[in-house]
């Protein structure tokens, strides 16, 4: 999708915890955002950030290519490579720059992308990106054959988990499309890292892919609860990433943020029950929504996208939920249905009673 959809002016919420926010002096149970494992508010992650700031200040102060590389950056890159199963990783200041760096490192290529791929992924490759119908690996294969007539490498681009809908891309079928020695699948896995795969290793691992012919971009800002972007891939690709403008000409994440992300990774590794709770809550939410007549499909992600009636009726339902103490937002975002949709999430930290109470409120509002 191209330009961002027109959106209503956002309301300003003050986060309290992984499951609560404050609006206009009221405390609400939130089913919004992307803090899937509740780590943005975990005391240990916050303390790691505070301790890192005490030791290293709040900025790296220079680019990675001069004097801005700290030991925490290198330790974090190594731990991220272990998590997502790539030979190496490089940090960037944010997820958009991760996609820009990946595209620049891949170099000239025939770019082919899912119709609903994240705009930052598509725009990183410029104006000549061909699009295939959402999740349609068969159509992608046919377009790839057309592009091969002109020779050159193929860069096949998709989200791993789509931000707006929670759809999971068929990465196993997409990687099978690659033919040339330099063809590559680039997966933006911002919403899959920490959510899918053994230990939260991501969407490629969910499909049993070993990292061959694959590059991954992701973020520290979703399931890891921190901030920053990541490019993962073969060592040769990451060496090229480290020569890109998006890497060389930017100031990296603060060393303190890298320390916080290292603590988040430690928690994910040592507390597998956190991911178990997330998926228990995902199944409970899916079942609860289904019980009140809302079908959100069978995606194994904690993202629930649905529409109900007209935009006016959805705005009424959103207001009903706010009055009842729930932030369950109606959003307009690239990849979401025209006119907006409810995009709800659960975290590992939601209590079963909160999920059931939301469903009961939806049931009353729909009556």
Protein backbone atom coordinates (compact mmCIF):
# COMPACT_ATOMS: atom_id res chain seq x y z
CA UNK A 1 0.00 0.00 0.00
CA UNK A 2 1.25 3.51 -0.76
CA UNK A 3 0.45 6.66 1.20
CA UNK A 4 -0.84 6.43 4.70
CA UNK A 5 -4.62 6.33 5.05
CA UNK A 6 -6.37 9.38 6.43
CA UNK A 7 -6.77 8.97 10.17
CA UNK A 8 -8.71 10.60 12.93
CA UNK A 9 -6.63 12.77 15.21
CA UNK A 10 -5.20 10.43 17.83
CA UNK A 11 -6.23 10.75 21.44
CA UNK A 12 -3.39 11.00 23.93
CA UNK A 13 -3.17 8.10 26.36
CA UNK A 14 -0.76 7.73 29.27
CA UNK A 15 0.48 4.14 29.66
CA UNK A 16 0.36 2.69 33.15
CA UNK A 17 1.23 -0.96 32.59
CA UNK A 18 1.13 -3.60 29.87
CA UNK A 19 -2.66 -3.81 30.23
CA UNK A 20 -3.74 -0.38 31.52
CA UNK A 21 -3.69 3.22 30.26
CA UNK A 22 -5.04 6.53 31.54
CA UNK A 23 -7.29 8.80 29.47
CA UNK A 24 -8.80 12.04 30.78
CA UNK A 25 -8.18 10.92 34.35
CA UNK A 26 -9.80 7.50 33.84
CA UNK A 27 -7.94 4.21 34.00
CA UNK A 28 -8.79 1.83 31.15
CA UNK A 29 -7.96 -1.79 30.37
CA UNK A 30 -6.16 -1.62 27.04
CA UNK A 31 -6.28 -4.06 24.16
CA UNK A 32 -4.23 -1.77 21.91
CA UNK A 33 -0.64 -1.42 20.78
CA UNK A 34 2.11 -4.00 20.29
CA UNK A 35 3.65 -4.74 23.70
CA UNK A 36 2.86 -8.42 23.20
CA UNK A 37 5.01 -9.78 26.03
CA UNK A 38 4.48 -6.92 28.46
CA UNK A 39 8.20 -6.16 28.54
CA UNK A 40 7.93 -2.40 28.04
CA UNK A 41 6.73 -2.20 31.65
CA UNK A 42 8.71 -5.07 33.15
CA UNK A 43 10.57 -3.77 36.18
CA UNK A 44 13.79 -5.58 35.22
CA UNK A 45 13.84 -4.08 31.71
CA UNK A 46 13.20 -0.61 33.13
CA UNK A 47 15.98 -1.07 35.67
CA UNK A 48 18.38 -2.21 32.94
CA UNK A 49 17.58 0.96 31.00
CA UNK A 50 18.10 3.10 34.09
CA UNK A 51 21.37 1.40 34.96
CA UNK A 52 22.64 1.75 31.41
CA UNK A 53 21.80 5.45 31.41
CA UNK A 54 23.64 5.91 34.72
CA UNK A 55 26.76 4.29 33.27
CA UNK A 56 26.71 5.46 29.64
CA UNK A 57 24.41 8.48 29.42
CA UNK A 58 21.42 8.73 27.10
CA UNK A 59 23.10 8.88 23.69
CA UNK A 60 25.83 7.02 21.86
CA UNK A 61 26.92 10.47 20.66
CA UNK A 62 28.22 9.43 17.23
CA UNK A 63 27.59 7.07 14.33
CA UNK A 64 28.53 3.39 14.52
CA UNK A 65 31.20 3.96 11.84
CA UNK A 66 33.11 6.48 14.00
CA UNK A 67 32.98 6.34 17.81
CA UNK A 68 29.34 5.39 18.44
CA UNK A 69 29.72 1.62 18.83
CA UNK A 70 29.48 0.43 22.44
CA UNK A 71 29.91 -3.07 23.82
CA UNK A 72 26.16 -3.27 24.48
CA UNK A 73 25.48 -2.79 20.75
CA UNK A 74 27.73 -5.69 19.80
CA UNK A 75 26.41 -7.96 22.54
CA UNK A 76 22.84 -7.18 21.52
CA UNK A 77 23.52 -7.90 17.83
CA UNK A 78 24.99 -11.29 18.75
CA UNK A 79 22.00 -12.19 20.96
CA UNK A 80 19.52 -11.08 18.30
CA UNK A 81 21.24 -13.23 15.68
CA UNK A 82 20.90 -16.20 18.03
CA UNK A 83 17.22 -15.47 18.59
CA UNK A 84 16.15 -15.06 14.95
CA UNK A 85 18.54 -17.68 13.58
CA UNK A 86 20.67 -15.62 11.22
CA UNK A 87 24.45 -15.54 10.85
CA UNK A 88 24.63 -11.91 11.94
CA UNK A 89 22.57 -8.84 12.81
CA UNK A 90 23.03 -5.08 12.57
CA UNK A 91 21.17 -2.53 14.68
CA UNK A 92 19.59 0.59 13.20
CA UNK A 93 17.88 3.47 15.00
CA UNK A 94 14.39 2.26 14.00
CA UNK A 95 12.48 -0.22 11.86
CA UNK A 96 12.09 2.05 8.82
CA UNK A 97 15.85 2.50 8.66
CA UNK A 98 16.26 -1.28 8.98
CA UNK A 99 14.22 -1.70 5.79
CA UNK A 100 16.14 1.09 4.05
CA UNK A 101 19.45 -0.48 5.03
CA UNK A 102 18.34 -3.94 3.91
CA UNK A 103 17.16 -2.64 0.53
CA UNK A 104 20.40 -0.71 0.00
CA UNK A 105 22.49 -3.74 0.98
CA UNK A 106 20.57 -6.05 -1.36
CA UNK A 107 21.24 -3.59 -4.16
CA UNK A 108 19.68 -3.46 -7.65
CA UNK A 109 17.03 -6.14 -7.96
CA UNK A 110 13.60 -6.88 -9.35
CA UNK A 111 11.52 -6.14 -6.24
CA UNK A 112 8.26 -8.06 -5.83
CA UNK A 113 6.11 -7.40 -2.76
CA UNK A 114 2.87 -8.51 -1.14
CA UNK A 115 0.08 -6.04 -1.89
CA UNK A 116 -0.30 -5.34 1.84
CA UNK A 117 3.39 -5.26 2.71
CA UNK A 118 4.33 -2.50 5.13
CA UNK A 119 4.84 0.83 3.30
CA UNK A 120 8.34 1.22 4.72
CA UNK A 121 9.34 -2.11 3.20
CA UNK A 122 7.99 -1.22 -0.23
CA UNK A 123 9.17 2.39 -0.28
CA UNK A 124 12.69 1.28 0.60
CA UNK A 125 12.97 -0.27 -2.86
CA UNK A 126 11.70 2.80 -4.74
CA UNK A 127 8.99 3.22 -7.35
CA UNK A 128 9.37 0.05 -9.45
CA UNK A 129 8.14 -2.57 -7.00
CA UNK A 130 5.72 -5.09 -8.52
CA UNK A 131 2.87 -6.21 -6.24
CA UNK A 132 1.22 -9.62 -5.94
CA UNK A 133 -2.20 -10.24 -4.31
CA UNK A 134 -2.08 -10.49 -0.53
CA UNK A 135 -0.72 -13.86 0.69
CA UNK A 136 -0.96 -15.35 -2.85
CA UNK A 137 2.27 -17.28 -3.32
CA UNK A 138 1.00 -18.72 -6.62
CA UNK A 139 0.54 -15.24 -8.08
CA UNK A 140 3.96 -14.24 -6.72
CA UNK A 141 5.54 -17.19 -8.52
CA UNK A 142 3.95 -16.20 -11.85
CA UNK A 143 5.12 -12.59 -11.52
CA UNK A 144 8.60 -13.80 -10.56
CA UNK A 145 8.79 -15.79 -13.81
CA UNK A 146 7.85 -12.68 -15.78
CA UNK A 147 10.58 -10.67 -14.07
CA UNK A 148 13.21 -13.36 -14.72
CA UNK A 149 12.93 -12.75 -18.46
CA UNK A 150 14.95 -9.57 -17.91
CA UNK A 151 17.62 -11.35 -15.86
CA UNK A 152 19.03 -10.02 -12.59
CA UNK A 153 18.29 -10.92 -9.02
CA UNK A 154 14.85 -11.11 -7.39
CA UNK A 155 14.05 -9.50 -4.04
CA UNK A 156 10.79 -11.00 -2.81
CA UNK A 157 9.41 -8.82 0.01
CA UNK A 158 6.69 -9.44 2.58
CA UNK A 159 5.76 -8.88 6.19
CA UNK A 160 6.16 -12.00 8.29
CA UNK A 161 3.11 -11.03 10.37
CA UNK A 162 1.03 -8.21 8.93
CA UNK A 163 0.71 -5.36 11.39
CA UNK A 164 -2.91 -4.42 10.81
CA UNK A 165 -4.52 -7.84 10.45
CA UNK A 166 -2.25 -10.41 12.07
CA UNK A 167 -2.13 -12.44 8.83
CA UNK A 168 0.93 -14.69 8.58
CA UNK A 169 2.77 -14.75 5.25
CA UNK A 170 3.42 -18.23 3.74
CA UNK A 171 7.19 -17.82 3.95
CA UNK A 172 7.84 -21.49 3.18
CA UNK A 173 6.00 -21.19 -0.15
CA UNK A 174 7.58 -17.83 -0.92
CA UNK A 175 11.16 -18.95 -0.37
CA UNK A 176 10.49 -21.85 -2.77
CA UNK A 177 9.94 -19.27 -5.55
CA UNK A 178 13.59 -18.19 -5.44
CA UNK A 179 15.69 -19.55 -8.30
CA UNK A 180 18.76 -17.45 -9.06
CA UNK A 181 21.83 -17.70 -6.83
CA UNK A 182 21.36 -14.12 -5.64
CA UNK A 183 17.55 -14.21 -5.23
CA UNK A 184 16.48 -13.34 -1.69
CA UNK A 185 13.36 -13.31 0.47
CA UNK A 186 13.20 -10.22 2.68
CA UNK A 187 10.75 -10.59 5.58
CA UNK A 188 9.75 -7.62 7.74
CA UNK A 189 9.11 -9.55 10.95
CA UNK A 190 8.41 -6.72 13.38
CA UNK A 191 5.22 -8.42 14.59
CA UNK A 192 6.56 -11.99 14.44
CA UNK A 193 9.76 -11.62 16.46
CA UNK A 194 9.04 -12.59 20.05
CA UNK A 195 5.61 -13.92 19.07
CA UNK A 196 5.97 -16.87 16.68
CA UNK A 197 8.51 -19.68 16.48
CA UNK A 198 10.21 -21.59 19.27
CA UNK A 199 11.17 -19.15 22.00
CA UNK A 200 9.82 -16.22 19.99
CA UNK A 201 12.38 -16.72 17.21
CA UNK A 202 9.97 -15.36 14.62
CA UNK A 203 7.99 -16.19 11.51
CA UNK A 204 10.82 -17.86 9.54
CA UNK A 205 11.35 -20.31 12.42
CA UNK A 206 7.57 -20.81 12.62
CA UNK A 207 7.86 -22.32 9.11
CA UNK A 208 11.06 -24.21 9.84
CA UNK A 209 13.24 -22.02 7.61
CA UNK A 210 16.96 -22.06 8.37
CA UNK A 211 17.89 -18.56 7.22
CA UNK A 212 19.23 -19.63 3.81
CA UNK A 213 18.29 -17.14 1.05
CA UNK A 214 16.56 -15.07 3.67
CA UNK A 215 17.03 -11.65 5.24
CA UNK A 216 14.94 -10.41 8.16
CA UNK A 217 14.17 -6.92 9.36
CA UNK A 218 12.57 -6.43 12.72
CA UNK A 219 12.25 -4.09 15.65
CA UNK A 220 12.97 -3.92 19.35
CA UNK A 221 9.80 -1.84 19.81
CA UNK A 222 7.09 -4.52 19.75
CA UNK A 223 7.44 -7.78 21.67
CA UNK A 224 10.79 -6.74 23.17
CA UNK A 225 9.29 -3.55 24.59
CA UNK A 226 12.29 -1.33 23.75
CA UNK A 227 13.26 0.77 20.70
CA UNK A 228 15.40 0.32 17.60
CA UNK A 229 15.58 -1.57 14.32
CA UNK A 230 17.37 -4.76 13.30
CA UNK A 231 18.58 -6.33 10.06
CA UNK A 232 19.45 -10.02 10.19
CA UNK A 233 20.91 -12.23 7.50
CA UNK A 234 24.01 -13.87 6.11
CA UNK A 235 27.26 -12.31 7.27
CA UNK A 236 27.96 -10.99 3.76
CA UNK A 237 24.62 -9.13 3.71
CA UNK A 238 25.19 -7.64 7.15
CA UNK A 239 28.64 -6.45 6.11
CA UNK A 240 26.96 -4.59 3.26
CA UNK A 241 24.36 -3.22 5.69
CA UNK A 242 27.21 -1.71 7.71
CA UNK A 243 28.24 0.29 4.63
CA UNK A 244 24.80 1.71 3.88
CA UNK A 245 23.77 5.32 4.41
CA UNK A 246 21.00 4.20 6.77
CA UNK A 247 23.65 2.64 9.04
CA UNK A 248 26.72 4.83 8.57
CA UNK A 249 25.01 8.22 8.69
CA UNK A 250 22.79 7.74 11.74
CA UNK A 251 23.29 7.73 15.49
CA UNK A 252 22.51 4.28 16.91
CA UNK A 253 20.15 3.49 19.73
CA UNK A 254 21.37 4.61 23.12
CA UNK A 255 23.66 2.11 24.87
CA UNK A 256 21.16 2.15 27.73
CA UNK A 257 18.39 1.02 25.33
CA UNK A 258 20.66 -1.79 24.13
CA UNK A 259 21.10 -2.85 27.76
CA UNK A 260 17.32 -2.84 28.21
CA UNK A 261 16.86 -4.96 25.07
CA UNK A 262 19.48 -7.43 26.30
CA UNK A 263 17.51 -7.80 29.53
CA UNK A 264 14.29 -8.30 27.54
CA UNK A 265 15.97 -11.07 25.55
CA UNK A 266 17.23 -12.67 28.76
CA UNK A 267 13.69 -12.70 30.16
CA UNK A 268 12.27 -14.22 26.98
CA UNK A 269 14.88 -16.96 27.12
CA UNK A 270 14.49 -17.74 30.81
CA UNK A 271 10.70 -17.40 31.06
CA UNK A 272 9.15 -19.52 28.29
CA UNK A 273 5.87 -19.42 30.19
CA UNK A 274 5.52 -15.78 29.11
CA UNK A 275 5.14 -16.87 25.49
CA UNK A 276 2.85 -19.70 26.60
CA UNK A 277 0.62 -17.17 28.37
CA UNK A 278 0.54 -15.01 25.26
CA UNK A 279 -0.74 -17.88 23.12
CA UNK A 280 -3.18 -19.03 25.81
CA UNK A 281 -4.61 -15.50 25.82
CA UNK A 282 -4.63 -15.40 22.01
CA UNK A 283 -6.72 -18.56 21.90
CA UNK A 284 -9.01 -17.31 24.67
CA UNK A 285 -9.57 -14.00 22.89
CA UNK A 286 -10.27 -15.71 19.56
CA UNK A 287 -12.79 -18.02 21.21
CA UNK A 288 -14.41 -15.17 23.17
CA UNK A 289 -14.84 -13.05 20.06
CA UNK A 290 -16.23 -16.02 18.15
CA UNK A 291 -18.76 -16.60 20.93
CA UNK A 292 -20.27 -13.15 20.30
CA UNK A 293 -20.35 -13.63 16.52
CA UNK A 294 -17.00 -12.05 15.56
CA UNK A 295 -14.86 -14.21 13.28
CA UNK A 296 -11.19 -13.19 13.26
CA UNK A 297 -9.89 -16.22 11.36
CA UNK A 298 -7.30 -18.68 12.59
CA UNK A 299 -4.06 -16.72 12.71
CA UNK A 300 -1.81 -17.84 15.62
CA UNK A 301 -0.92 -14.22 16.42
CA UNK A 302 -2.25 -11.96 19.19
CA UNK A 303 -3.64 -9.45 16.65
CA UNK A 304 -7.39 -9.40 16.01
CA UNK A 305 -8.75 -7.37 13.11
CA UNK A 306 -12.47 -7.15 12.33
CA UNK A 307 -15.24 -4.88 11.12
CA UNK A 308 -18.86 -4.74 12.26
CA UNK A 309 -21.52 -2.92 10.26
CA UNK A 310 -20.94 0.65 9.14
CA UNK A 311 -18.15 3.03 10.20
CA UNK A 312 -20.74 4.93 12.26
CA UNK A 313 -21.82 1.80 14.10
CA UNK A 314 -18.21 0.86 14.78
CA UNK A 315 -17.54 4.32 16.24
CA UNK A 316 -20.59 3.84 18.50
CA UNK A 317 -19.25 0.47 19.67
CA UNK A 318 -15.83 2.01 20.34
CA UNK A 319 -17.51 4.68 22.50
CA UNK A 320 -19.52 2.01 24.35
CA UNK A 321 -16.31 0.15 25.14
CA UNK A 322 -14.58 3.33 26.36
CA UNK A 323 -17.48 4.09 28.69
CA UNK A 324 -17.23 0.53 30.03
CA UNK A 325 -13.51 1.00 30.75
CA UNK A 326 -11.88 -0.63 27.71
CA UNK A 327 -9.53 0.81 25.12
CA UNK A 328 -10.36 -1.32 22.07
CA UNK A 329 -9.41 0.98 19.22
CA UNK A 330 -10.95 1.54 15.83
CA UNK A 331 -7.98 2.28 13.58
CA UNK A 332 -7.16 3.27 10.03
CA UNK A 333 -3.77 1.96 8.99
CA UNK A 334 -2.14 0.67 5.79
CA UNK A 335 -3.38 -2.86 5.20
CA UNK A 336 -6.58 -2.39 7.18
CA UNK A 337 -10.02 -2.50 5.52
CA UNK A 338 -11.29 0.70 3.91
CA UNK A 339 -13.11 2.81 6.48
CA UNK A 340 -11.10 1.38 9.35
CA UNK A 341 -11.39 -1.65 11.57
CA UNK A 342 -11.07 -2.76 15.15
CA UNK A 343 -7.47 -3.81 15.73
CA UNK A 344 -7.23 -5.44 19.15
CA UNK A 345 -4.34 -7.29 20.72
CA UNK A 346 -3.74 -9.38 23.79
CA UNK A 347 -0.52 -9.60 25.75
CA UNK A 348 0.95 -12.27 27.94
CA UNK A 349 -0.06 -10.09 30.90
CA UNK A 350 -3.81 -9.88 30.31
CA UNK A 351 -5.93 -11.77 32.81
CA UNK A 352 -8.60 -14.19 31.53
CA UNK A 353 -11.28 -12.14 33.27
CA UNK A 354 -10.29 -9.01 31.35
CA UNK A 355 -10.69 -10.84 28.03
CA UNK A 356 -14.06 -12.29 29.06
CA UNK A 357 -15.30 -8.90 30.27
CA UNK A 358 -14.35 -7.27 26.95
CA UNK A 359 -16.26 -9.94 25.03
CA UNK A 360 -19.31 -9.49 27.29
CA UNK A 361 -19.25 -5.74 26.69
CA UNK A 362 -19.00 -6.28 22.93
CA UNK A 363 -21.95 -8.66 23.13
CA UNK A 364 -24.07 -6.02 24.90
CA UNK A 365 -23.07 -3.33 22.42
CA UNK A 366 -23.98 -5.56 19.48
CA UNK A 367 -27.37 -6.48 20.90
